PDB file of N, CA and C in Angstrom:
ATOM      1  N   MET A   1      10.444  28.261  18.807  1.00  0.00           N
ATOM      2  CA  MET A   1       9.705  28.627  17.618  1.00  0.00           C
ATOM      3  C   MET A   1       8.782  29.803  17.917  1.00  0.00           C
ATOM      4  N   GLN A   2       8.085  29.726  19.049  1.00  0.00           N
ATOM      5  CA  GLN A   2       7.170  30.817  19.377  1.00  0.00           C
ATOM      6  C   GLN A   2       7.942  32.109  19.627  1.00  0.00           C
ATOM      7  N   ALA A   3       9.087  32.021  20.264  1.00  0.00           N
ATOM      8  CA  ALA A   3       9.893  33.224  20.519  1.00  0.00           C
ATOM      9  C   ALA A   3      10.352  33.856  19.206  1.00  0.00           C
ATOM     10  N   ALA A   4      10.722  33.036  18.239  1.00  0.00           N
ATOM     11  CA  ALA A   4      11.140  33.560  16.934  1.00  0.00           C
ATOM     12  C   ALA A   4       9.977  34.246  16.233  1.00  0.00           C
ATOM     13  N   MET A   5       8.804  33.664  16.331  1.00  0.00           N
ATOM     14  CA  MET A   5       7.632  34.285  15.712  1.00  0.00           C
ATOM     15  C   MET A   5       7.298  35.607  16.390  1.00  0.00           C
ATOM     16  N   LYS A   6       7.378  35.613  17.700  1.00  0.00           N
ATOM     17  CA  LYS A   6       7.096  36.846  18.431  1.00  0.00           C
ATOM     18  C   LYS A   6       8.093  37.940  18.068  1.00  0.00           C
ATOM     19  N   ALA A   7       9.365  37.567  17.948  1.00  0.00           N
ATOM     20  CA  ALA A   7      10.406  38.538  17.618  1.00  0.00           C
ATOM     21  C   ALA A   7      10.200  39.152  16.240  1.00  0.00           C
ATOM     22  N   THR A   8       9.601  38.413  15.335  1.00  0.00           N
ATOM     23  CA  THR A   8       9.358  38.930  13.981  1.00  0.00           C
ATOM     24  C   THR A   8       7.956  39.486  13.796  1.00  0.00           C
ATOM     25  N   GLY A   9       7.170  39.486  14.869  1.00  0.00           N
ATOM     26  CA  GLY A   9       5.835  40.079  14.807  1.00  0.00           C
ATOM     27  C   GLY A   9       4.751  39.168  14.257  1.00  0.00           C
ATOM     28  N   ILE A  10       5.024  37.875  14.194  1.00  0.00           N
ATOM     29  CA  ILE A  10       4.015  36.931  13.714  1.00  0.00           C
ATOM     30  C   ILE A  10       3.158  36.494  14.890  1.00  0.00           C
ATOM     31  N   PRO A  11       1.860  36.787  14.876  1.00  0.00           N
ATOM     32  CA  PRO A  11       1.002  36.377  15.989  1.00  0.00           C
ATOM     33  C   PRO A  11       0.948  34.849  16.097  1.00  0.00           C
ATOM     34  N   SER A  12       1.168  34.350  17.301  1.00  0.00           N
ATOM     35  CA  SER A  12       1.157  32.899  17.489  1.00  0.00           C
ATOM     36  C   SER A  12       0.721  32.566  18.904  1.00  0.00           C
ATOM     37  N   THR A  13       0.332  31.314  19.047  1.00  0.00           N
ATOM     38  CA  THR A  13       0.004  30.782  20.356  1.00  0.00           C
ATOM     39  C   THR A  13       0.533  29.362  20.422  1.00  0.00           C
ATOM     40  N   TRP A  14       0.939  28.951  21.602  1.00  0.00           N
ATOM     41  CA  TRP A  14       1.475  27.603  21.789  1.00  0.00           C
ATOM     42  C   TRP A  14       0.531  26.841  22.706  1.00  0.00           C
ATOM     43  N   LEU A  15      -0.055  25.778  22.173  1.00  0.00           N
ATOM     44  CA  LEU A  15      -0.915  24.911  22.980  1.00  0.00           C
ATOM     45  C   LEU A  15      -0.002  23.902  23.664  1.00  0.00           C
ATOM     46  N   LYS A  16       0.487  24.271  24.840  1.00  0.00           N
ATOM     47  CA  LYS A  16       1.539  23.519  25.527  1.00  0.00           C
ATOM     48  C   LYS A  16       1.120  22.133  25.985  1.00  0.00           C
ATOM     49  N   SER A  17      -0.124  21.957  26.277  1.00  0.00           N
ATOM     50  CA  SER A  17      -0.575  20.660  26.780  1.00  0.00           C
ATOM     51  C   SER A  17      -2.026  20.446  26.366  1.00  0.00           C
ATOM     52  N   LEU A  18      -2.514  19.260  26.662  1.00  0.00           N
ATOM     53  CA  LEU A  18      -3.897  18.940  26.294  1.00  0.00           C
ATOM     54  C   LEU A  18      -4.895  19.894  26.921  1.00  0.00           C
ATOM     55  N   SER A  19      -4.599  20.404  28.105  1.00  0.00           N
ATOM     56  CA  SER A  19      -5.533  21.317  28.766  1.00  0.00           C
ATOM     57  C   SER A  19      -5.662  22.646  28.008  1.00  0.00           C
ATOM     58  N   TYR A  20      -4.649  22.991  27.229  1.00  0.00           N
ATOM     59  CA  TYR A  20      -4.702  24.229  26.468  1.00  0.00           C
ATOM     60  C   TYR A  20      -5.598  24.122  25.241  1.00  0.00           C
ATOM     61  N   LYS A  21      -5.957  22.903  24.840  1.00  0.00           N
ATOM     62  CA  LYS A  21      -6.816  22.723  23.665  1.00  0.00           C
ATOM     63  C   LYS A  21      -8.138  23.450  23.826  1.00  0.00           C
ATOM     64  N   LYS A  22      -8.612  23.587  25.054  1.00  0.00           N
ATOM     65  CA  LYS A  22      -9.874  24.277  25.299  1.00  0.00           C
ATOM     66  C   LYS A  22      -9.785  25.753  24.953  1.00  0.00           C
ATOM     67  N   THR A  23      -8.567  26.307  24.927  1.00  0.00           N
ATOM     68  CA  THR A  23      -8.395  27.727  24.624  1.00  0.00           C
ATOM     69  C   THR A  23      -8.203  27.982  23.134  1.00  0.00           C
ATOM     70  N   TYR A  24      -8.118  26.926  22.334  1.00  0.00           N
ATOM     71  CA  TYR A  24      -7.892  27.082  20.895  1.00  0.00           C
ATOM     72  C   TYR A  24      -9.079  27.765  20.239  1.00  0.00           C
ATOM     73  N   ASP A  25      -8.786  28.796  19.457  1.00  0.00           N
ATOM     74  CA  ASP A  25      -9.799  29.540  18.717  1.00  0.00           C
ATOM     75  C   ASP A  25      -9.488  29.449  17.229  1.00  0.00           C
ATOM     76  N   PRO A  26     -10.218  28.602  16.477  1.00  0.00           N
ATOM     77  CA  PRO A  26      -9.906  28.434  15.060  1.00  0.00           C
ATOM     78  C   PRO A  26     -10.117  29.690  14.228  1.00  0.00           C
ATOM     79  N   SER A  27     -10.855  30.650  14.723  1.00  0.00           N
ATOM     80  CA  SER A  27     -11.089  31.873  13.955  1.00  0.00           C
ATOM     81  C   SER A  27     -10.025  32.938  14.223  1.00  0.00           C
ATOM     82  N   ALA A  28      -9.144  32.703  15.177  1.00  0.00           N
ATOM     83  CA  ALA A  28      -8.091  33.672  15.493  1.00  0.00           C
ATOM     84  C   ALA A  28      -7.089  33.728  14.343  1.00  0.00           C
ATOM     85  N   ASP A  29      -6.641  34.922  14.023  1.00  0.00           N
ATOM     86  CA  ASP A  29      -5.697  35.121  12.929  1.00  0.00           C
ATOM     87  C   ASP A  29      -4.273  35.026  13.473  1.00  0.00           C
ATOM     88  N   LYS A  30      -3.859  33.787  13.781  1.00  0.00           N
ATOM     89  CA  LYS A  30      -2.514  33.571  14.297  1.00  0.00           C
ATOM     90  C   LYS A  30      -2.098  32.125  14.072  1.00  0.00           C
ATOM     91  N   VAL A  31      -0.807  31.910  14.158  1.00  0.00           N
ATOM     92  CA  VAL A  31      -0.237  30.579  14.010  1.00  0.00           C
ATOM     93  C   VAL A  31      -0.395  29.837  15.336  1.00  0.00           C
ATOM     94  N   THR A  32      -0.847  28.592  15.254  1.00  0.00           N
ATOM     95  CA  THR A  32      -0.985  27.759  16.451  1.00  0.00           C
ATOM     96  C   THR A  32       0.112  26.713  16.437  1.00  0.00           C
ATOM     97  N   LEU A  33       0.923  26.685  17.477  1.00  0.00           N
ATOM     98  CA  LEU A  33       2.003  25.712  17.607  1.00  0.00           C
ATOM     99  C   LEU A  33       1.572  24.644  18.599  1.00  0.00           C
ATOM    100  N   LEU A  34       1.790  23.389  18.241  1.00  0.00           N
ATOM    101  CA  LEU A  34       1.457  22.303  19.158  1.00  0.00           C
ATOM    102  C   LEU A  34       2.183  21.039  18.749  1.00  0.00           C
ATOM    103  N   THR A  35       2.189  20.076  19.633  1.00  0.00           N
ATOM    104  CA  THR A  35       2.821  18.798  19.337  1.00  0.00           C
ATOM    105  C   THR A  35       1.858  17.921  18.558  1.00  0.00           C
ATOM    106  N   ARG A  36       2.410  16.890  17.941  1.00  0.00           N
ATOM    107  CA  ARG A  36       1.538  15.946  17.228  1.00  0.00           C
ATOM    108  C   ARG A  36       0.581  15.284  18.216  1.00  0.00           C
ATOM    109  N   GLN A  37       1.073  14.996  19.418  1.00  0.00           N
ATOM    110  CA  GLN A  37       0.226  14.356  20.424  1.00  0.00           C
ATOM    111  C   GLN A  37      -0.975  15.216  20.778  1.00  0.00           C
ATOM    112  N   SER A  38      -0.768  16.501  20.930  1.00  0.00           N
ATOM    113  CA  SER A  38      -1.869  17.361  21.361  1.00  0.00           C
ATOM    114  C   SER A  38      -2.742  17.832  20.204  1.00  0.00           C
ATOM    115  N   SER A  39      -2.392  17.466  18.970  1.00  0.00           N
ATOM    116  CA  SER A  39      -3.207  17.895  17.829  1.00  0.00           C
ATOM    117  C   SER A  39      -4.427  17.008  17.615  1.00  0.00           C
ATOM    118  N   LYS A  40      -4.441  15.858  18.252  1.00  0.00           N
ATOM    119  CA  LYS A  40      -5.551  14.915  18.058  1.00  0.00           C
ATOM    120  C   LYS A  40      -6.878  15.590  18.408  1.00  0.00           C
ATOM    121  N   GLY A  41      -7.828  15.462  17.507  1.00  0.00           N
ATOM    122  CA  GLY A  41      -9.147  16.045  17.735  1.00  0.00           C
ATOM    123  C   GLY A  41      -9.309  17.453  17.203  1.00  0.00           C
ATOM    124  N   LEU A  42      -8.213  18.075  16.774  1.00  0.00           N
ATOM    125  CA  LEU A  42      -8.283  19.423  16.210  1.00  0.00           C
ATOM    126  C   LEU A  42      -8.122  19.345  14.703  1.00  0.00           C
ATOM    127  N   GLU A  43      -8.592  20.383  14.002  1.00  0.00           N
ATOM    128  CA  GLU A  43      -8.469  20.447  12.552  1.00  0.00           C
ATOM    129  C   GLU A  43      -7.995  21.835  12.163  1.00  0.00           C
ATOM    130  N   PHE A  44      -7.192  21.884  11.079  1.00  0.00           N
ATOM    131  CA  PHE A  44      -6.615  23.133  10.619  1.00  0.00           C
ATOM    132  C   PHE A  44      -6.662  23.172   9.101  1.00  0.00           C
ATOM    133  N   ASP A  45      -6.776  24.357   8.525  1.00  0.00           N
ATOM    134  CA  ASP A  45      -6.697  24.482   7.073  1.00  0.00           C
ATOM    135  C   ASP A  45      -5.316  24.057   6.583  1.00  0.00           C
ATOM    136  N   THR A  46      -4.288  24.534   7.257  1.00  0.00           N
ATOM    137  CA  THR A  46      -2.908  24.244   6.870  1.00  0.00           C
ATOM    138  C   THR A  46      -2.155  23.673   8.060  1.00  0.00           C
ATOM    139  N   VAL A  47      -1.396  22.612   7.799  1.00  0.00           N
ATOM    140  CA  VAL A  47      -0.552  21.998   8.822  1.00  0.00           C
ATOM    141  C   VAL A  47       0.871  21.930   8.279  1.00  0.00           C
ATOM    142  N   ILE A  48       1.828  22.323   9.101  1.00  0.00           N
ATOM    143  CA  ILE A  48       3.238  22.193   8.763  1.00  0.00           C
ATOM    144  C   ILE A  48       3.872  21.267   9.785  1.00  0.00           C
ATOM    145  N   LEU A  49       4.412  20.162   9.298  1.00  0.00           N
ATOM    146  CA  LEU A  49       5.129  19.215  10.157  1.00  0.00           C
ATOM    147  C   LEU A  49       6.610  19.361   9.838  1.00  0.00           C
ATOM    148  N   ALA A  50       7.349  19.899  10.778  1.00  0.00           N
ATOM    149  CA  ALA A  50       8.776  20.158  10.554  1.00  0.00           C
ATOM    150  C   ALA A  50       9.635  19.051  11.148  1.00  0.00           C
ATOM    151  N   GLY A  51      10.731  18.748  10.460  1.00  0.00           N
ATOM    152  CA  GLY A  51      11.719  17.833  11.001  1.00  0.00           C
ATOM    153  C   GLY A  51      11.400  16.362  10.870  1.00  0.00           C
ATOM    154  N   LEU A  52      10.768  15.964   9.789  1.00  0.00           N
ATOM    155  CA  LEU A  52      10.402  14.561   9.606  1.00  0.00           C
ATOM    156  C   LEU A  52      11.621  13.641   9.718  1.00  0.00           C
ATOM    157  N   GLY A  53      12.762  14.078   9.222  1.00  0.00           N
ATOM    158  CA  GLY A  53      13.972  13.268   9.274  1.00  0.00           C
ATOM    159  C   GLY A  53      14.527  13.085  10.671  1.00  0.00           C
ATOM    160  N   GLY A  54      14.042  13.869  11.613  1.00  0.00           N
ATOM    161  CA  GLY A  54      14.498  13.753  12.992  1.00  0.00           C
ATOM    162  C   GLY A  54      13.685  12.789  13.836  1.00  0.00           C
ATOM    163  N   LEU A  55      12.633  12.214  13.257  1.00  0.00           N
ATOM    164  CA  LEU A  55      11.813  11.271  14.009  1.00  0.00           C
ATOM    165  C   LEU A  55      12.583   9.980  14.246  1.00  0.00           C
ATOM    166  N   ASP A  56      12.357   9.385  15.380  1.00  0.00           N
ATOM    167  CA  ASP A  56      13.029   8.139  15.765  1.00  0.00           C
ATOM    168  C   ASP A  56      12.374   6.973  15.034  1.00  0.00           C
ATOM    169  N   ASP A  57      13.123   6.329  14.147  1.00  0.00           N
ATOM    170  CA  ASP A  57      12.571   5.196  13.403  1.00  0.00           C
ATOM    171  C   ASP A  57      13.174   3.862  13.859  1.00  0.00           C
ATOM    172  N   SER A  58      13.599   3.820  15.110  1.00  0.00           N
ATOM    173  CA  SER A  58      14.096   2.564  15.674  1.00  0.00           C
ATOM    174  C   SER A  58      12.944   1.563  15.768  1.00  0.00           C
ATOM    175  N   ASP A  59      13.277   0.295  15.902  1.00  0.00           N
ATOM    176  CA  ASP A  59      12.248  -0.749  15.965  1.00  0.00           C
ATOM    177  C   ASP A  59      11.220  -0.473  17.059  1.00  0.00           C
ATOM    178  N   GLU A  60      11.668   0.047  18.202  1.00  0.00           N
ATOM    179  CA  GLU A  60      10.746   0.306  19.318  1.00  0.00           C
ATOM    180  C   GLU A  60       9.850   1.507  19.057  1.00  0.00           C
ATOM    181  N   GLN A  61      10.392   2.532  18.434  1.00  0.00           N
ATOM    182  CA  GLN A  61       9.651   3.791  18.263  1.00  0.00           C
ATOM    183  C   GLN A  61       8.888   3.901  16.947  1.00  0.00           C
ATOM    184  N   LEU A  62       9.231   3.089  15.962  1.00  0.00           N
ATOM    185  CA  LEU A  62       8.605   3.210  14.645  1.00  0.00           C
ATOM    186  C   LEU A  62       7.077   3.158  14.687  1.00  0.00           C
ATOM    187  N   PRO A  63       6.469   2.196  15.396  1.00  0.00           N
ATOM    188  CA  PRO A  63       4.996   2.179  15.431  1.00  0.00           C
ATOM    189  C   PRO A  63       4.398   3.421  16.097  1.00  0.00           C
ATOM    190  N   ILE A  64       5.029   3.886  17.145  1.00  0.00           N
ATOM    191  CA  ILE A  64       4.537   5.069  17.874  1.00  0.00           C
ATOM    192  C   ILE A  64       4.658   6.313  17.006  1.00  0.00           C
ATOM    193  N   GLU A  65       5.845   6.508  16.429  1.00  0.00           N
ATOM    194  CA  GLU A  65       6.066   7.684  15.580  1.00  0.00           C
ATOM    195  C   GLU A  65       5.170   7.654  14.345  1.00  0.00           C
ATOM    196  N   THR A  66       4.925   6.467  13.815  1.00  0.00           N
ATOM    197  CA  THR A  66       4.043   6.342  12.647  1.00  0.00           C
ATOM    198  C   THR A  66       2.630   6.788  12.993  1.00  0.00           C
ATOM    199  N   ARG A  67       2.117   6.339  14.132  1.00  0.00           N
ATOM    200  CA  ARG A  67       0.766   6.755  14.552  1.00  0.00           C
ATOM    201  C   ARG A  67       0.692   8.263  14.776  1.00  0.00           C
ATOM    202  N   LEU A  68       1.714   8.824  15.436  1.00  0.00           N
ATOM    203  CA  LEU A  68       1.711  10.266  15.691  1.00  0.00           C
ATOM    204  C   LEU A  68       1.841  11.064  14.404  1.00  0.00           C
ATOM    205  N   LEU A  69       2.625  10.561  13.468  1.00  0.00           N
ATOM    206  CA  LEU A  69       2.746  11.236  12.180  1.00  0.00           C
ATOM    207  C   LEU A  69       1.404  11.222  11.452  1.00  0.00           C
ATOM    208  N   TYR A  70       0.715  10.106  11.504  1.00  0.00           N
ATOM    209  CA  TYR A  70      -0.613  10.000  10.895  1.00  0.00           C
ATOM    210  C   TYR A  70      -1.565  11.014  11.528  1.00  0.00           C
ATOM    211  N   VAL A  71      -1.550  11.106  12.841  1.00  0.00           N
ATOM    212  CA  VAL A  71      -2.412  12.073  13.530  1.00  0.00           C
ATOM    213  C   VAL A  71      -2.089  13.483  13.051  1.00  0.00           C
ATOM    214  N   GLY A  72      -0.816  13.839  13.024  1.00  0.00           N
ATOM    215  CA  GLY A  72      -0.431  15.177  12.589  1.00  0.00           C
ATOM    216  C   GLY A  72      -0.832  15.470  11.160  1.00  0.00           C
ATOM    217  N   MET A  73      -0.608  14.514  10.272  1.00  0.00           N
ATOM    218  CA  MET A  73      -0.914  14.728   8.853  1.00  0.00           C
ATOM    219  C   MET A  73      -2.417  14.851   8.597  1.00  0.00           C
ATOM    220  N   THR A  74      -3.197  14.103   9.317  1.00  0.00           N
ATOM    221  CA  THR A  74      -4.640  14.122   9.070  1.00  0.00           C
ATOM    222  C   THR A  74      -5.347  15.289   9.742  1.00  0.00           C
ATOM    223  N   ARG A  75      -4.637  16.188  10.368  1.00  0.00           N
ATOM    224  CA  ARG A  75      -5.233  17.406  10.920  1.00  0.00           C
ATOM    225  C   ARG A  75      -5.439  18.444   9.831  1.00  0.00           C
ATOM    226  N   ALA A  76      -4.783  18.290   8.679  1.00  0.00           N
ATOM    227  CA  ALA A  76      -4.843  19.283   7.599  1.00  0.00           C
ATOM    228  C   ALA A  76      -6.073  19.071   6.724  1.00  0.00           C
ATOM    229  N   HIS A  77      -6.821  20.149   6.529  1.00  0.00           N
ATOM    230  CA  HIS A  77      -7.990  20.101   5.654  1.00  0.00           C
ATOM    231  C   HIS A  77      -7.659  20.481   4.221  1.00  0.00           C
ATOM    232  N   ARG A  78      -6.776  21.457   4.056  1.00  0.00           N
ATOM    233  CA  ARG A  78      -6.508  21.970   2.712  1.00  0.00           C
ATOM    234  C   ARG A  78      -5.055  21.791   2.286  1.00  0.00           C
ATOM    235  N   GLN A  79      -4.131  22.064   3.177  1.00  0.00           N
ATOM    236  CA  GLN A  79      -2.716  22.034   2.805  1.00  0.00           C
ATOM    237  C   GLN A  79      -1.895  21.339   3.877  1.00  0.00           C
ATOM    238  N   LEU A  80      -0.911  20.554   3.431  1.00  0.00           N
ATOM    239  CA  LEU A  80       0.028  19.893   4.329  1.00  0.00           C
ATOM    240  C   LEU A  80       1.427  20.116   3.792  1.00  0.00           C
ATOM    241  N   LEU A  81       2.301  20.651   4.638  1.00  0.00           N
ATOM    242  CA  LEU A  81       3.698  20.849   4.284  1.00  0.00           C
ATOM    243  C   LEU A  81       4.536  20.044   5.270  1.00  0.00           C
ATOM    244  N   VAL A  82       5.397  19.190   4.731  1.00  0.00           N
ATOM    245  CA  VAL A  82       6.275  18.369   5.553  1.00  0.00           C
ATOM    246  C   VAL A  82       7.709  18.739   5.206  1.00  0.00           C
ATOM    247  N   THR A  83       8.516  19.044   6.224  1.00  0.00           N
ATOM    248  CA  THR A  83       9.914  19.394   5.978  1.00  0.00           C
ATOM    249  C   THR A  83      10.830  18.372   6.640  1.00  0.00           C
ATOM    250  N   SER A  84      12.046  18.299   6.097  1.00  0.00           N
ATOM    251  CA  SER A  84      13.030  17.380   6.665  1.00  0.00           C
ATOM    252  C   SER A  84      14.429  17.863   6.339  1.00  0.00           C
ATOM    253  N   SER A  85      15.339  17.651   7.287  1.00  0.00           N
ATOM    254  CA  SER A  85      16.738  17.964   7.025  1.00  0.00           C
ATOM    255  C   SER A  85      17.601  16.711   7.148  1.00  0.00           C
ATOM    256  N   GLY A  86      16.976  15.583   7.265  1.00  0.00           N
ATOM    257  CA  GLY A  86      17.703  14.322   7.386  1.00  0.00           C
ATOM    258  C   GLY A  86      16.950  13.219   6.685  1.00  0.00           C
ATOM    259  N   GLU A  87      17.514  12.031   6.742  1.00  0.00           N
ATOM    260  CA  GLU A  87      16.861  10.887   6.112  1.00  0.00           C
ATOM    261  C   GLU A  87      16.619   9.789   7.123  1.00  0.00           C
ATOM    262  N   ASN A  88      15.487   9.135   6.974  1.00  0.00           N
ATOM    263  CA  ASN A  88      15.130   7.979   7.792  1.00  0.00           C
ATOM    264  C   ASN A  88      14.021   7.222   7.068  1.00  0.00           C
ATOM    265  N   THR A  89      13.435   6.258   7.714  1.00  0.00           N
ATOM    266  CA  THR A  89      12.362   5.470   7.114  1.00  0.00           C
ATOM    267  C   THR A  89      11.225   6.355   6.621  1.00  0.00           C
ATOM    268  N   PHE A  90      10.872   7.372   7.398  1.00  0.00           N
ATOM    269  CA  PHE A  90       9.747   8.238   7.048  1.00  0.00           C
ATOM    270  C   PHE A  90      10.033   9.057   5.789  1.00  0.00           C
ATOM    271  N   THR A  91      11.222   9.651   5.715  1.00  0.00           N
ATOM    272  CA  THR A  91      11.537  10.465   4.539  1.00  0.00           C
ATOM    273  C   THR A  91      11.677   9.596   3.295  1.00  0.00           C
ATOM    274  N   GLU A  92      12.226   8.397   3.446  1.00  0.00           N
ATOM    275  CA  GLU A  92      12.350   7.493   2.303  1.00  0.00           C
ATOM    276  C   GLU A  92      10.975   7.095   1.764  1.00  0.00           C
ATOM    277  N   LYS A  93      10.057   6.754   2.655  1.00  0.00           N
ATOM    278  CA  LYS A  93       8.706   6.377   2.217  1.00  0.00           C
ATOM    279  C   LYS A  93       7.995   7.551   1.556  1.00  0.00           C
ATOM    280  N   LEU A  94       8.138   8.734   2.129  1.00  0.00           N
ATOM    281  CA  LEU A  94       7.489   9.915   1.561  1.00  0.00           C
ATOM    282  C   LEU A  94       8.050  10.216   0.177  1.00  0.00           C
ATOM    283  N   GLN A  95       9.351  10.087   0.006  1.00  0.00           N
ATOM    284  CA  GLN A  95       9.956  10.323  -1.311  1.00  0.00           C
ATOM    285  C   GLN A  95       9.446   9.307  -2.330  1.00  0.00           C
ATOM    286  N   GLU A  96       9.273   8.054  -1.910  1.00  0.00           N
ATOM    287  CA  GLU A  96       8.701   7.037  -2.804  1.00  0.00           C
ATOM    288  C   GLU A  96       7.286   7.434  -3.230  1.00  0.00           C
ATOM    289  N   LEU A  97       6.488   7.895  -2.257  1.00  0.00           N
ATOM    290  CA  LEU A  97       5.096   8.235  -2.539  1.00  0.00           C
ATOM    291  C   LEU A  97       4.942   9.408  -3.470  1.00  0.00           C
ATOM    292  N   VAL A  98       5.780  10.419  -3.316  1.00  0.00           N
ATOM    293  CA  VAL A  98       5.650  11.613  -4.153  1.00  0.00           C
ATOM    294  C   VAL A  98       6.534  11.552  -5.383  1.00  0.00           C
ATOM    295  N   GLY A  99       7.378  10.523  -5.473  1.00  0.00           N
ATOM    296  CA  GLY A  99       8.183  10.321  -6.664  1.00  0.00           C
ATOM    297  C   GLY A  99       9.312  11.312  -6.857  1.00  0.00           C
ATOM    298  N   THR A 100       9.932  11.747  -5.761  1.00  0.00           N
ATOM    299  CA  THR A 100      11.047  12.683  -5.867  1.00  0.00           C
ATOM    300  C   THR A 100      12.327  12.015  -5.389  1.00  0.00           C
ATOM    301  N   ALA A 101      13.424  12.543  -5.832  1.00  0.00           N
ATOM    302  CA  ALA A 101      14.734  12.055  -5.384  1.00  0.00           C
ATOM    303  C   ALA A 101      15.245  12.930  -4.251  1.00  0.00           C
ATOM    304  N   ALA A 102      16.073  12.356  -3.433  1.00  0.00           N
ATOM    305  CA  ALA A 102      16.638  13.097  -2.289  1.00  0.00           C
ATOM    306  C   ALA A 102      17.641  14.127  -2.773  1.00  0.00           C
TER     307      ALA A 102
END
């Protein structure tokens, strides 16, 4: 993702691990890429969560993925965009909540 942004001239930074959180500058005019795990404790005006349908909704992973999804979603202060190219428990629940059909 970062390579694609760089190739098109979109300024971006990738917070690869928790240690990189210290380098985050909320006033920088660039896209910040990070995992849901490393987003905890940070806040953004806009958050885009891509690939919701790709999350593992197996019995073992459902509680973990649900918590991480909650963390990612609650990082957004003003706007939240969620994308999906597949269907699973998460996309079905989201469609119920927003009242849209697949």
